[in-house]
Amino acid sequence: RTPQVQIIRRVLGLSQEEFAERFRIPVGTLRDWEQGRHLPDSVAMAYLKVIAKNAKAVEEALEPSTSP
């Protein structure tokens, strides 16, 4: 099942720009997915499923590391 990108983003209460920046997805790609011009590939679909299940963990994983 293809994750509904717009639904995930809205549940998180984020604009397209905020979602794209927070999860490091090009905003143009996000817009293409939401408008149905392109579908996420299998890797992107897996990533979106993880965001939908645990966005906080993804955000933490993407934070810059402070260790050497």
N, C-alpha and C. Protein backbone atom coordinates (compact mmCIF):
# COMPACT_ATOMS: atom_id res chain seq x y z
N ARG A 1 0.84 -1.19 0.00
CA ARG A 1 0.00 0.00 0.00
C ARG A 1 0.88 1.24 0.00
N THR A 2 0.58 2.18 -0.87
CA THR A 2 1.36 3.40 -0.97
C THR A 2 0.98 4.35 0.15
N PRO A 3 1.97 4.83 0.92
CA PRO A 3 1.64 5.79 1.97
C PRO A 3 1.11 7.08 1.35
N GLN A 4 0.10 7.64 1.96
CA GLN A 4 -0.47 8.89 1.48
C GLN A 4 0.33 10.04 2.07
N VAL A 5 1.24 10.57 1.27
CA VAL A 5 2.19 11.57 1.73
C VAL A 5 1.48 12.78 2.33
N GLN A 6 0.49 13.27 1.66
CA GLN A 6 -0.20 14.47 2.15
C GLN A 6 -0.87 14.21 3.50
N ILE A 7 -1.43 13.03 3.67
CA ILE A 7 -2.07 12.69 4.94
C ILE A 7 -1.03 12.63 6.06
N ILE A 8 0.10 11.98 5.80
CA ILE A 8 1.17 11.90 6.79
C ILE A 8 1.60 13.31 7.19
N ARG A 9 1.82 14.15 6.19
CA ARG A 9 2.28 15.52 6.45
C ARG A 9 1.27 16.30 7.26
N ARG A 10 0.00 16.17 6.91
CA ARG A 10 -1.05 16.92 7.62
C ARG A 10 -1.23 16.43 9.05
N VAL A 11 -1.14 15.12 9.26
CA VAL A 11 -1.24 14.58 10.62
C VAL A 11 -0.12 15.15 11.49
N LEU A 12 1.06 15.33 10.89
CA LEU A 12 2.18 15.91 11.63
C LEU A 12 2.06 17.42 11.77
N GLY A 13 1.10 18.02 11.07
CA GLY A 13 0.87 19.45 11.18
C GLY A 13 1.94 20.29 10.53
N LEU A 14 2.50 19.78 9.42
CA LEU A 14 3.60 20.47 8.76
C LEU A 14 3.21 20.95 7.37
N SER A 15 3.76 22.10 6.98
CA SER A 15 3.62 22.56 5.60
C SER A 15 4.50 21.69 4.72
N GLN A 16 4.34 21.80 3.42
CA GLN A 16 5.21 21.05 2.51
C GLN A 16 6.67 21.40 2.76
N GLU A 17 6.94 22.68 2.91
CA GLU A 17 8.32 23.13 3.11
C GLU A 17 8.90 22.58 4.42
N GLU A 18 8.10 22.62 5.48
CA GLU A 18 8.56 22.11 6.77
C GLU A 18 8.83 20.60 6.72
N PHE A 19 7.90 19.87 6.13
CA PHE A 19 8.05 18.41 6.02
C PHE A 19 9.29 18.08 5.21
N ALA A 20 9.44 18.75 4.07
CA ALA A 20 10.58 18.50 3.19
C ALA A 20 11.90 18.78 3.91
N GLU A 21 11.97 19.88 4.61
CA GLU A 21 13.19 20.24 5.32
C GLU A 21 13.47 19.27 6.47
N ARG A 22 12.45 18.99 7.25
CA ARG A 22 12.62 18.14 8.43
C ARG A 22 13.09 16.73 8.06
N PHE A 23 12.55 16.20 6.95
CA PHE A 23 12.87 14.82 6.59
C PHE A 23 13.79 14.71 5.37
N ARG A 24 14.35 15.85 4.99
CA ARG A 24 15.36 15.91 3.92
C ARG A 24 14.88 15.31 2.60
N ILE A 25 13.71 15.75 2.22
CA ILE A 25 13.12 15.37 0.94
C ILE A 25 13.01 16.65 0.11
N PRO A 26 13.50 16.65 -1.11
CA PRO A 26 13.35 17.87 -1.92
C PRO A 26 11.88 18.27 -2.03
N VAL A 27 11.59 19.54 -1.81
CA VAL A 27 10.20 20.00 -1.79
C VAL A 27 9.52 19.73 -3.14
N GLY A 28 10.24 19.83 -4.23
CA GLY A 28 9.65 19.53 -5.54
C GLY A 28 9.23 18.07 -5.65
N THR A 29 10.04 17.20 -5.09
CA THR A 29 9.70 15.77 -5.08
C THR A 29 8.45 15.53 -4.25
N LEU A 30 8.39 16.15 -3.09
CA LEU A 30 7.22 16.02 -2.22
C LEU A 30 5.97 16.50 -2.94
N ARG A 31 6.06 17.62 -3.60
CA ARG A 31 4.90 18.16 -4.35
C ARG A 31 4.49 17.21 -5.46
N ASP A 32 5.47 16.65 -6.17
CA ASP A 32 5.15 15.69 -7.23
C ASP A 32 4.41 14.49 -6.67
N TRP A 33 4.84 13.98 -5.53
CA TRP A 33 4.17 12.84 -4.90
C TRP A 33 2.75 13.22 -4.51
N GLU A 34 2.60 14.36 -3.86
CA GLU A 34 1.27 14.77 -3.38
C GLU A 34 0.31 15.04 -4.52
N GLN A 35 0.80 15.54 -5.63
CA GLN A 35 -0.06 15.87 -6.76
C GLN A 35 -0.21 14.71 -7.74
N GLY A 36 0.43 13.58 -7.43
CA GLY A 36 0.28 12.39 -8.25
C GLY A 36 1.05 12.40 -9.55
N ARG A 37 1.97 13.34 -9.71
CA ARG A 37 2.78 13.38 -10.94
C ARG A 37 3.80 12.25 -10.95
N HIS A 38 4.27 11.87 -9.76
CA HIS A 38 5.21 10.77 -9.62
C HIS A 38 4.84 10.00 -8.36
N LEU A 39 5.18 8.72 -8.34
CA LEU A 39 4.99 7.91 -7.14
C LEU A 39 6.34 7.70 -6.48
N PRO A 40 6.35 7.63 -5.15
CA PRO A 40 7.61 7.34 -4.47
C PRO A 40 8.10 5.95 -4.88
N ASP A 41 9.43 5.81 -5.04
CA ASP A 41 9.98 4.49 -5.33
C ASP A 41 9.92 3.64 -4.06
N SER A 42 10.36 2.40 -4.13
CA SER A 42 10.22 1.49 -2.99
C SER A 42 10.99 1.97 -1.76
N VAL A 43 12.16 2.56 -1.96
CA VAL A 43 12.94 3.07 -0.82
C VAL A 43 12.21 4.26 -0.19
N ALA A 44 11.72 5.17 -1.01
CA ALA A 44 10.99 6.33 -0.49
C ALA A 44 9.71 5.89 0.22
N MET A 45 9.03 4.86 -0.31
CA MET A 45 7.81 4.38 0.35
C MET A 45 8.14 3.82 1.72
N ALA A 46 9.25 3.08 1.83
CA ALA A 46 9.66 2.54 3.13
C ALA A 46 9.96 3.69 4.10
N TYR A 47 10.66 4.70 3.61
CA TYR A 47 11.00 5.86 4.44
C TYR A 47 9.72 6.56 4.92
N LEU A 48 8.77 6.75 4.04
CA LEU A 48 7.51 7.39 4.41
C LEU A 48 6.74 6.57 5.44
N LYS A 49 6.78 5.26 5.32
CA LYS A 49 6.12 4.40 6.30
C LYS A 49 6.75 4.55 7.68
N VAL A 50 8.08 4.66 7.72
CA VAL A 50 8.76 4.85 8.99
C VAL A 50 8.40 6.22 9.57
N ILE A 51 8.37 7.25 8.73
CA ILE A 51 7.97 8.58 9.20
C ILE A 51 6.56 8.52 9.78
N ALA A 52 5.65 7.83 9.10
CA ALA A 52 4.27 7.75 9.56
C ALA A 52 4.17 7.02 10.90
N LYS A 53 4.98 6.02 11.11
CA LYS A 53 4.92 5.24 12.36
C LYS A 53 5.66 5.90 13.52
N ASN A 54 6.79 6.58 13.21
CA ASN A 54 7.57 7.16 14.30
C ASN A 54 8.41 8.33 13.80
N ALA A 55 7.73 9.43 13.52
CA ALA A 55 8.40 10.62 12.98
C ALA A 55 9.49 11.13 13.92
N LYS A 56 9.25 11.04 15.22
CA LYS A 56 10.23 11.55 16.19
C LYS A 56 11.55 10.79 16.08
N ALA A 57 11.48 9.47 15.91
CA ALA A 57 12.70 8.67 15.78
C ALA A 57 13.46 9.06 14.52
N VAL A 58 12.75 9.34 13.45
CA VAL A 58 13.41 9.75 12.21
C VAL A 58 14.09 11.10 12.42
N GLU A 59 13.38 12.03 13.06
CA GLU A 59 13.97 13.34 13.34
C GLU A 59 15.24 13.20 14.18
N GLU A 60 15.18 12.37 15.21
CA GLU A 60 16.35 12.16 16.06
C GLU A 60 17.50 11.54 15.27
N ALA A 61 17.20 10.60 14.41
CA ALA A 61 18.23 9.96 13.61
C ALA A 61 18.89 10.93 12.63
N LEU A 62 18.15 11.92 12.20
CA LEU A 62 18.67 12.89 11.24
C LEU A 62 19.37 14.08 11.88
N GLU A 63 19.30 14.18 13.21
CA GLU A 63 19.98 15.28 13.89
C GLU A 63 21.49 15.14 13.69
N PRO A 64 22.17 16.27 13.55
CA PRO A 64 23.62 16.20 13.41
C PRO A 64 24.24 15.53 14.64
N SER A 65 25.19 14.69 14.39
CA SER A 65 25.87 13.98 15.47
C SER A 65 26.85 14.91 16.15
N THR A 66 26.92 14.83 17.47
CA THR A 66 27.88 15.65 18.22
C THR A 66 29.12 14.86 18.59
N SER A 67 29.12 13.56 18.28
CA SER A 67 30.29 12.75 18.61
C SER A 67 31.32 12.84 17.48
N PRO A 68 32.62 12.64 17.81
CA PRO A 68 33.66 12.77 16.79
C PRO A 68 33.63 11.68 15.75
